[in-house]
C-alpha atoms as a PDB file:
ATOM      1  CA  UNK A   1     -86.305-107.183-155.551  1.00  0.00           C
ATOM      2  CA  UNK A   2     -86.125-110.907-156.402  1.00  0.00           C
ATOM      3  CA  UNK A   3     -89.113-111.666-154.147  1.00  0.00           C
ATOM      4  CA  UNK A   4     -91.154-108.912-155.856  1.00  0.00           C
ATOM      5  CA  UNK A   5     -90.242-110.353-159.272  1.00  0.00           C
ATOM      6  CA  UNK A   6     -91.260-113.890-158.239  1.00  0.00           C
ATOM      7  CA  UNK A   7     -94.577-112.735-156.781  1.00  0.00           C
ATOM      8  CA  UNK A   8     -95.191-110.614-159.903  1.00  0.00           C
ATOM      9  CA  UNK A   9     -94.578-113.523-162.275  1.00  0.00           C
ATOM     10  CA  UNK A  10     -96.807-115.890-160.265  1.00  0.00           C
ATOM     11  CA  UNK A  11     -99.606-113.314-159.941  1.00  0.00           C
ATOM     12  CA  UNK A  12     -99.287-112.393-163.615  1.00  0.00           C
ATOM     13  CA  UNK A  13     -99.511-116.020-164.796  1.00  0.00           C
ATOM     14  CA  UNK A  14    -102.506-116.689-162.528  1.00  0.00           C
ATOM     15  CA  UNK A  15    -104.370-113.571-163.677  1.00  0.00           C
ATOM     16  CA  UNK A  16    -103.496-114.135-167.335  1.00  0.00           C
ATOM     17  CA  UNK A  17    -104.779-117.717-167.174  1.00  0.00           C
ATOM     18  CA  UNK A  18    -107.963-116.426-165.529  1.00  0.00           C
ATOM     19  CA  UNK A  19    -108.376-113.788-168.264  1.00  0.00           C
ATOM     20  CA  UNK A  20    -107.997-116.333-171.036  1.00  0.00           C
ATOM     21  CA  UNK A  21    -110.356-118.761-169.290  1.00  0.00           C
ATOM     22  CA  UNK A  22    -112.993-116.003-169.225  1.00  0.00           C
ATOM     23  CA  UNK A  23    -112.712-115.127-172.921  1.00  0.00           C
ATOM     24  CA  UNK A  24    -116.137-114.900-174.508  1.00  0.00           C
ATOM     25  CA  UNK A  25    -115.410-113.743-178.045  1.00  0.00           C
ATOM     26  CA  UNK A  26    -116.117-115.270-181.438  1.00  0.00           C
ATOM     27  CA  UNK A  27    -113.255-117.430-182.690  1.00  0.00           C
ATOM     28  CA  UNK A  28    -112.660-115.099-185.658  1.00  0.00           C
ATOM     29  CA  UNK A  29    -111.710-112.343-183.186  1.00  0.00           C
ATOM     30  CA  UNK A  30    -108.844-114.270-181.567  1.00  0.00           C
ATOM     31  CA  UNK A  31    -106.352-113.500-184.402  1.00  0.00           C
ATOM     32  CA  UNK A  32    -107.448-109.842-184.309  1.00  0.00           C
ATOM     33  CA  UNK A  33    -106.887-109.713-180.537  1.00  0.00           C
ATOM     34  CA  UNK A  34    -103.507-111.440-180.849  1.00  0.00           C
ATOM     35  CA  UNK A  35    -102.320-109.030-183.553  1.00  0.00           C
ATOM     36  CA  UNK A  36    -103.683-105.997-181.684  1.00  0.00           C
ATOM     37  CA  UNK A  37    -102.093-107.166-178.453  1.00  0.00           C
ATOM     38  CA  UNK A  38     -98.746-107.814-180.142  1.00  0.00           C
ATOM     39  CA  UNK A  39     -98.766-104.336-181.695  1.00  0.00           C
ATOM     40  CA  UNK A  40     -99.707-102.769-178.348  1.00  0.00           C
ATOM     41  CA  UNK A  41     -96.919-104.718-176.616  1.00  0.00           C
ATOM     42  CA  UNK A  42     -94.405-103.492-179.222  1.00  0.00           C
ATOM     43  CA  UNK A  43     -95.615 -99.921-178.693  1.00  0.00           C
ATOM     44  CA  UNK A  44     -95.532-100.200-174.879  1.00  0.00           C
ATOM     45  CA  UNK A  45     -92.041-101.701-175.006  1.00  0.00           C
ATOM     46  CA  UNK A  46     -90.878 -98.765-177.126  1.00  0.00           C
ATOM     47  CA  UNK A  47     -92.476 -96.163-174.871  1.00  0.00           C
ATOM     48  CA  UNK A  48     -91.103 -97.687-171.673  1.00  0.00           C
ATOM     49  CA  UNK A  49     -87.657 -98.319-173.160  1.00  0.00           C
ATOM     50  CA  UNK A  50     -87.466 -94.752-174.490  1.00  0.00           C
ATOM     51  CA  UNK A  51     -88.690 -93.221-171.212  1.00  0.00           C
ATOM     52  CA  UNK A  52     -86.283 -95.206-169.027  1.00  0.00           C
ATOM     53  CA  UNK A  53     -83.375 -94.450-171.375  1.00  0.00           C
ATOM     54  CA  UNK A  54     -84.267 -90.752-171.574  1.00  0.00           C
ATOM     55  CA  UNK A  55     -85.505 -89.559-168.182  1.00  0.00           C
ATOM     56  CA  UNK A  56     -84.372 -89.750-164.587  1.00  0.00           C
ATOM     57  CA  UNK A  57     -81.238 -91.386-163.274  1.00  0.00           C
ATOM     58  CA  UNK A  58     -80.230 -94.458-161.337  1.00  0.00           C
ATOM     59  CA  UNK A  59     -80.714 -92.299-158.207  1.00  0.00           C
ATOM     60  CA  UNK A  60     -84.344 -91.403-159.028  1.00  0.00           C
ATOM     61  CA  UNK A  61     -86.352 -92.570-155.995  1.00  0.00           C
ATOM     62  CA  UNK A  62     -88.083 -95.927-156.455  1.00  0.00           C
ATOM     63  CA  UNK A  63     -87.781 -96.049-160.269  1.00  0.00           C
ATOM     64  CA  UNK A  64     -84.034 -95.447-160.474  1.00  0.00           C
ATOM     65  CA  UNK A  65     -82.593 -98.560-158.856  1.00  0.00           C
ATOM     66  CA  UNK A  66     -85.372-100.932-159.900  1.00  0.00           C
ATOM     67  CA  UNK A  67     -86.087 -99.845-163.480  1.00  0.00           C
ATOM     68  CA  UNK A  68     -83.768 -97.138-164.848  1.00  0.00           C
ATOM     69  CA  UNK A  69     -80.501 -98.774-163.727  1.00  0.00           C
ATOM     70  CA  UNK A  70     -81.057-102.032-165.663  1.00  0.00           C
ATOM     71  CA  UNK A  71     -81.914-100.105-168.848  1.00  0.00           C
ATOM     72  CA  UNK A  72     -78.828 -97.901-168.599  1.00  0.00           C
ATOM     73  CA  UNK A  73     -76.524-100.807-167.703  1.00  0.00           C
ATOM     74  CA  UNK A  74     -77.881-102.701-170.675  1.00  0.00           C
ATOM     75  CA  UNK A  75     -76.096-100.290-173.037  1.00  0.00           C
ATOM     76  CA  UNK A  76     -72.767-101.024-171.352  1.00  0.00           C
ATOM     77  CA  UNK A  77     -73.359-104.801-171.407  1.00  0.00           C
ATOM     78  CA  UNK A  78     -76.027-105.652-174.005  1.00  0.00           C
ATOM     79  CA  UNK A  79     -75.502-109.397-173.638  1.00  0.00           C
ATOM     80  CA  UNK A  80     -75.863-109.192-169.857  1.00  0.00           C
ATOM     81  CA  UNK A  81     -79.537-110.037-170.029  1.00  0.00           C
ATOM     82  CA  UNK A  82     -78.702-113.341-171.722  1.00  0.00           C
ATOM     83  CA  UNK A  83     -77.127-114.434-168.431  1.00  0.00           C
ATOM     84  CA  UNK A  84     -80.345-113.756-166.475  1.00  0.00           C
ATOM     85  CA  UNK A  85     -83.052-116.299-165.750  1.00  0.00           C
ATOM     86  CA  UNK A  86     -86.718-116.083-166.705  1.00  0.00           C
ATOM     87  CA  UNK A  87     -87.720-114.344-163.462  1.00  0.00           C
ATOM     88  CA  UNK A  88     -85.080-111.616-163.718  1.00  0.00           C
ATOM     89  CA  UNK A  89     -85.736-111.009-167.421  1.00  0.00           C
ATOM     90  CA  UNK A  90     -89.531-110.917-167.158  1.00  0.00           C
ATOM     91  CA  UNK A  91     -90.373-109.957-163.556  1.00  0.00           C
ATOM     92  CA  UNK A  92     -90.617-106.210-164.187  1.00  0.00           C
ATOM     93  CA  UNK A  93     -92.811-106.750-167.268  1.00  0.00           C
ATOM     94  CA  UNK A  94     -95.148-108.941-165.238  1.00  0.00           C
ATOM     95  CA  UNK A  95     -95.268-106.327-162.480  1.00  0.00           C
ATOM     96  CA  UNK A  96     -96.094-103.625-165.022  1.00  0.00           C
ATOM     97  CA  UNK A  97     -99.010-105.659-166.414  1.00  0.00           C
ATOM     98  CA  UNK A  98    -100.648-106.442-163.084  1.00  0.00           C
ATOM     99  CA  UNK A  99    -102.790-103.262-163.074  1.00  0.00           C
ATOM    100  CA  UNK A 100    -104.160-104.190-166.523  1.00  0.00           C
ATOM    101  CA  UNK A 101    -104.918-107.760-165.522  1.00  0.00           C
ATOM    102  CA  UNK A 102    -106.452-106.747-162.190  1.00  0.00           C
ATOM    103  CA  UNK A 103    -108.453-104.020-163.940  1.00  0.00           C
ATOM    104  CA  UNK A 104    -110.191-106.423-166.307  1.00  0.00           C
ATOM    105  CA  UNK A 105    -111.043-108.657-163.342  1.00  0.00           C
ATOM    106  CA  UNK A 106    -112.429-105.824-161.225  1.00  0.00           C
ATOM    107  CA  UNK A 107    -114.207-103.770-163.885  1.00  0.00           C
ATOM    108  CA  UNK A 108    -116.706-105.174-166.330  1.00  0.00           C
ATOM    109  CA  UNK A 109    -115.222-104.804-169.788  1.00  0.00           C
ATOM    110  CA  UNK A 110    -116.451-105.388-173.274  1.00  0.00           C
ATOM    111  CA  UNK A 111    -115.530-108.988-174.232  1.00  0.00           C
ATOM    112  CA  UNK A 112    -113.566-107.779-177.281  1.00  0.00           C
ATOM    113  CA  UNK A 113    -111.587-105.305-175.159  1.00  0.00           C
ATOM    114  CA  UNK A 114    -111.045-108.047-172.564  1.00  0.00           C
ATOM    115  CA  UNK A 115    -109.487-110.240-175.272  1.00  0.00           C
ATOM    116  CA  UNK A 116    -107.237-107.449-176.562  1.00  0.00           C
ATOM    117  CA  UNK A 117    -106.040-106.574-173.053  1.00  0.00           C
ATOM    118  CA  UNK A 118    -105.316-110.234-172.277  1.00  0.00           C
ATOM    119  CA  UNK A 119    -103.369-110.580-175.541  1.00  0.00           C
ATOM    120  CA  UNK A 120    -101.518-107.330-174.842  1.00  0.00           C
ATOM    121  CA  UNK A 121    -100.479-108.666-171.431  1.00  0.00           C
ATOM    122  CA  UNK A 122     -99.274-111.884-173.059  1.00  0.00           C
ATOM    123  CA  UNK A 123     -97.331-109.784-175.568  1.00  0.00           C
ATOM    124  CA  UNK A 124     -95.767-107.693-172.807  1.00  0.00           C
ATOM    125  CA  UNK A 125     -94.655-110.888-171.062  1.00  0.00           C
ATOM    126  CA  UNK A 126     -92.930-111.980-174.268  1.00  0.00           C
ATOM    127  CA  UNK A 127     -91.365-108.567-174.954  1.00  0.00           C
ATOM    128  CA  UNK A 128     -88.309-108.905-172.724  1.00  0.00           C
ATOM    129  CA  UNK A 129     -87.939-112.528-173.755  1.00  0.00           C
ATOM    130  CA  UNK A 130     -87.814-111.418-177.415  1.00  0.00           C
ATOM    131  CA  UNK A 131     -85.317-108.725-176.421  1.00  0.00           C
ATOM    132  CA  UNK A 132     -83.171-111.378-174.712  1.00  0.00           C
ATOM    133  CA  UNK A 133     -83.311-113.605-177.804  1.00  0.00           C
ATOM    134  CA  UNK A 134     -82.208-110.658-179.980  1.00  0.00           C
ATOM    135  CA  UNK A 135     -79.036-110.522-177.858  1.00  0.00           C
ATOM    136  CA  UNK A 136     -78.492-114.272-177.641  1.00  0.00           C
ATOM    137  CA  UNK A 137     -75.701-115.777-179.714  1.00  0.00           C
ATOM    138  CA  UNK A 138     -77.795-118.908-180.130  1.00  0.00           C
ATOM    139  CA  UNK A 139     -81.499-118.276-179.435  1.00  0.00           C
ATOM    140  CA  UNK A 140     -83.786-121.321-179.208  1.00  0.00           C
ATOM    141  CA  UNK A 141     -84.765-122.758-182.604  1.00  0.00           C
ATOM    142  CA  UNK A 142     -88.396-121.616-182.202  1.00  0.00           C
ATOM    143  CA  UNK A 143     -87.234-118.065-181.502  1.00  0.00           C
ATOM    144  CA  UNK A 144     -84.937-118.132-184.557  1.00  0.00           C
ATOM    145  CA  UNK A 145     -87.867-119.316-186.682  1.00  0.00           C
ATOM    146  CA  UNK A 146     -90.077-116.427-185.520  1.00  0.00           C
ATOM    147  CA  UNK A 147     -87.186-113.968-185.940  1.00  0.00           C
ATOM    148  CA  UNK A 148     -86.726-115.099-189.543  1.00  0.00           C
ATOM    149  CA  UNK A 149     -90.445-114.611-190.158  1.00  0.00           C
ATOM    150  CA  UNK A 150     -90.139-111.098-188.692  1.00  0.00           C
ATOM    151  CA  UNK A 151     -92.685-111.843-185.965  1.00  0.00           C
ATOM    152  CA  UNK A 152     -90.265-111.247-183.073  1.00  0.00           C
ATOM    153  CA  UNK A 153     -87.344-108.865-182.701  1.00  0.00           C
ATOM    154  CA  UNK A 154     -84.239-109.971-184.575  1.00  0.00           C
ATOM    155  CA  UNK A 155     -80.637-109.198-183.680  1.00  0.00           C
ATOM    156  CA  UNK A 156     -80.293-107.286-186.967  1.00  0.00           C
ATOM    157  CA  UNK A 157     -83.203-105.012-186.088  1.00  0.00           C
ATOM    158  CA  UNK A 158     -82.212-104.494-182.470  1.00  0.00           C
ATOM    159  CA  UNK A 159     -78.508-103.778-183.030  1.00  0.00           C
ATOM    160  CA  UNK A 160     -79.638-100.435-184.466  1.00  0.00           C
ATOM    161  CA  UNK A 161     -80.650 -99.415-180.938  1.00  0.00           C
ATOM    162  CA  UNK A 162     -77.205-100.307-179.580  1.00  0.00           C
ATOM    163  CA  UNK A 163     -75.469 -97.816-181.838  1.00  0.00           C
ATOM    164  CA  UNK A 164     -74.539 -94.596-179.985  1.00  0.00           C
ATOM    165  CA  UNK A 165     -76.278 -92.346-179.069  1.00  0.00           C
ATOM    166  CA  UNK A 166     -78.852 -95.111-178.389  1.00  0.00           C
ATOM    167  CA  UNK A 167     -81.784 -92.890-179.367  1.00  0.00           C
ATOM    168  CA  UNK A 168     -83.667 -95.002-181.948  1.00  0.00           C
ATOM    169  CA  UNK A 169     -85.205 -98.481-182.299  1.00  0.00           C
ATOM    170  CA  UNK A 170     -86.696 -98.774-178.805  1.00  0.00           C
ATOM    171  CA  UNK A 171     -89.456-101.316-179.589  1.00  0.00           C
ATOM    172  CA  UNK A 172     -88.427-104.787-178.422  1.00  0.00           C
ATOM    173  CA  UNK A 173     -91.333-107.162-179.031  1.00  0.00           C
ATOM    174  CA  UNK A 174     -91.325-107.396-182.826  1.00  0.00           C
ATOM    175  CA  UNK A 175     -89.690-104.103-183.780  1.00  0.00           C
ATOM    176  CA  UNK A 176     -92.567-103.476-186.214  1.00  0.00           C
ATOM    177  CA  UNK A 177     -93.238-100.060-184.715  1.00  0.00           C
ATOM    178  CA  UNK A 178     -89.630 -98.857-184.684  1.00  0.00           C
ATOM    179  CA  UNK A 179     -89.923 -96.881-187.919  1.00  0.00           C
ATOM    180  CA  UNK A 180     -93.056 -94.913-186.941  1.00  0.00           C
ATOM    181  CA  UNK A 181     -91.762 -94.490-183.372  1.00  0.00           C
ATOM    182  CA  UNK A 182     -88.415 -93.190-184.684  1.00  0.00           C
ATOM    183  CA  UNK A 183     -90.276 -90.744-186.942  1.00  0.00           C
ATOM    184  CA  UNK A 184     -92.252 -89.397-183.975  1.00  0.00           C
ATOM    185  CA  UNK A 185     -89.055 -88.995-181.968  1.00  0.00           C
ATOM    186  CA  UNK A 186     -87.430 -87.043-184.834  1.00  0.00           C
ATOM    187  CA  UNK A 187     -90.435 -84.707-184.887  1.00  0.00           C
ATOM    188  CA  UNK A 188     -89.997 -84.037-181.178  1.00  0.00           C
ATOM    189  CA  UNK A 189     -86.324 -83.073-181.433  1.00  0.00           C
END
């Protein structure tokens, strides 16, 4: 799995750099794309986190050992991810974004959509890193600054997810979408 994670991170960074190099949008749209991408990343993180916590098992073919197991083990050892390196923390996120990044290279897209997808991919890359910082006893000073501003997931916001039965607060980029996502989950119960 380590080799897949390394290849995914390298391919992701190459494709993301290519996407940003190809941006052809007015400068006023960059903040819109960044905000849209960050919201989409928060939503995707919540959907994936919820799905992997809720469905299948560690024995589910293909997905179980590679994706479901780490999510389930994370509840038993929430700080475990703080002992992992960049590749292990972010490899799966990079792998998950490759279809998006390849898609905007292969298919002609509207320049505004191209920018939003590129910013979403960047946000997805940062999602697990933000999740790791929310579990870190001493996150880097830049991360603490953004946590205090409420731009990235804080420990105070994320600890709500680690309260049994672990069925709320799944969004791990900024946590901005936790309240609406929790409301939707309550409707479905």
